[in-house]
Protein backbone atom coordinates (compact mmCIF):
# COMPACT_ATOMS: atom_id res chain seq x y z
CA MET A 1 -0.02 0.00 0.00
CA ALA A 2 1.16 3.54 -0.62
CA GLY A 3 -0.16 6.94 0.38
CA ARG A 4 0.11 9.80 2.75
CA ALA A 5 1.72 8.73 6.02
CA SER A 6 -0.78 10.70 8.07
CA LYS A 7 -3.68 8.77 6.45
CA LEU A 8 -1.97 5.34 6.43
CA ALA A 9 -1.26 5.57 10.15
CA GLY A 10 -4.98 5.14 10.89
CA VAL A 11 -5.39 2.25 8.44
CA VAL A 12 -2.24 0.19 8.47
CA LYS A 13 -2.56 -1.18 12.07
CA ASP A 14 -6.17 -2.26 11.53
CA GLN A 15 -5.24 -3.98 8.27
CA VAL A 16 -2.43 -5.94 9.87
CA VAL A 17 -4.62 -6.95 12.83
CA ALA A 18 -7.37 -8.12 10.33
CA VAL A 19 -4.95 -10.59 8.61
CA GLY A 20 -5.96 -14.05 9.68
CA GLY A 21 -4.08 -17.30 9.86
CA CYS A 22 -2.49 -17.15 13.28
CA PRO A 23 -3.68 -19.41 16.03
CA LYS A 24 -6.08 -17.35 18.20
CA ASP A 25 -4.61 -15.87 21.36
CA SER A 26 -1.13 -17.18 20.46
CA ALA A 27 2.20 -15.39 20.77
CA GLU A 28 2.37 -15.40 17.03
CA GLU A 29 -0.91 -13.45 16.79
CA ALA A 30 0.27 -11.01 19.43
CA ALA A 31 3.56 -10.47 17.50
CA LYS A 32 1.63 -9.81 14.24
CA ASN A 33 -0.56 -7.26 15.91
CA GLN A 34 2.48 -5.49 17.46
CA ILE A 35 3.99 -5.21 13.97
CA GLY A 36 0.87 -3.35 12.96
CA GLY A 37 1.52 -0.99 15.85
CA VAL A 38 5.08 -0.47 14.70
CA LEU A 39 3.97 0.42 11.22
CA GLU A 40 1.43 2.87 12.61
CA THR A 41 4.14 4.46 14.73
CA LEU A 42 6.52 4.76 11.76
CA CYS A 43 3.70 6.50 9.76
CA GLN A 44 3.09 8.97 12.68
CA SER A 45 6.83 9.72 13.18
CA PHE A 46 7.14 12.24 10.32
CA GLY A 47 7.15 16.00 11.08
CA GLU A 48 5.68 16.66 7.66
CA ASP A 49 3.26 14.71 5.62
CA ARG A 50 5.28 12.22 3.59
CA VAL A 51 4.20 9.74 0.95
CA VAL A 52 5.26 6.21 1.97
CA ARG A 53 4.96 2.72 0.59
CA ILE A 54 4.54 -0.30 2.77
CA ASN A 55 5.01 -3.84 1.46
CA ALA A 56 4.53 -6.74 3.81
CA SER A 57 4.33 -10.51 3.35
CA GLY A 58 4.66 -13.45 5.62
CA SER A 59 3.93 -17.01 6.24
CA ALA A 60 4.07 -19.53 9.10
CA TRP A 61 3.86 -23.27 9.58
CA ASN A 62 2.04 -24.20 12.77
CA GLU A 63 1.39 -27.51 14.45
CA GLY A 64 -0.71 -27.77 17.59
CA GLY A 65 -0.84 -23.97 17.94
CA LYS A 66 2.95 -23.69 17.99
CA ALA A 67 5.00 -22.23 15.21
CA LYS A 68 7.50 -24.59 13.43
CA SER A 69 8.78 -21.90 11.03
CA GLN A 70 7.96 -18.33 10.23
CA HIS A 71 8.78 -15.82 7.51
CA LEU A 72 8.20 -12.05 7.52
CA LYS A 73 9.30 -9.42 5.08
CA LEU A 74 8.60 -5.73 5.63
CA GLU A 75 9.55 -2.82 3.43
CA PHE A 76 8.82 0.75 4.57
CA GLU A 77 9.90 3.31 2.03
CA THR A 78 9.63 7.12 2.05
CA LEU A 79 8.83 8.35 -1.43
CA GLY A 80 8.71 12.11 -0.88
CA ASN A 81 6.58 14.96 0.32
CA PHE A 82 2.76 15.06 -0.18
CA VAL A 83 1.92 17.96 -2.60
CA GLU A 84 -1.65 19.19 -2.87
């Protein structure tokens, strides 16, 4: 996703939390939700309104509610200033 950091801050955390696939109430689910909070904080950290792009992907293999392997890739890129 890409857009104004000030607008993405209110959306990115909710979108990450909405991603399913983690065992409910697991440490993996808690970590995923915390990543949404980190992305929200990064969007809020700019003094001026910047245009940013966020790419995120991940996967996990779980057995019995416990992770066997996990993969997460995050890219957070500042593209420039927002111009009206």
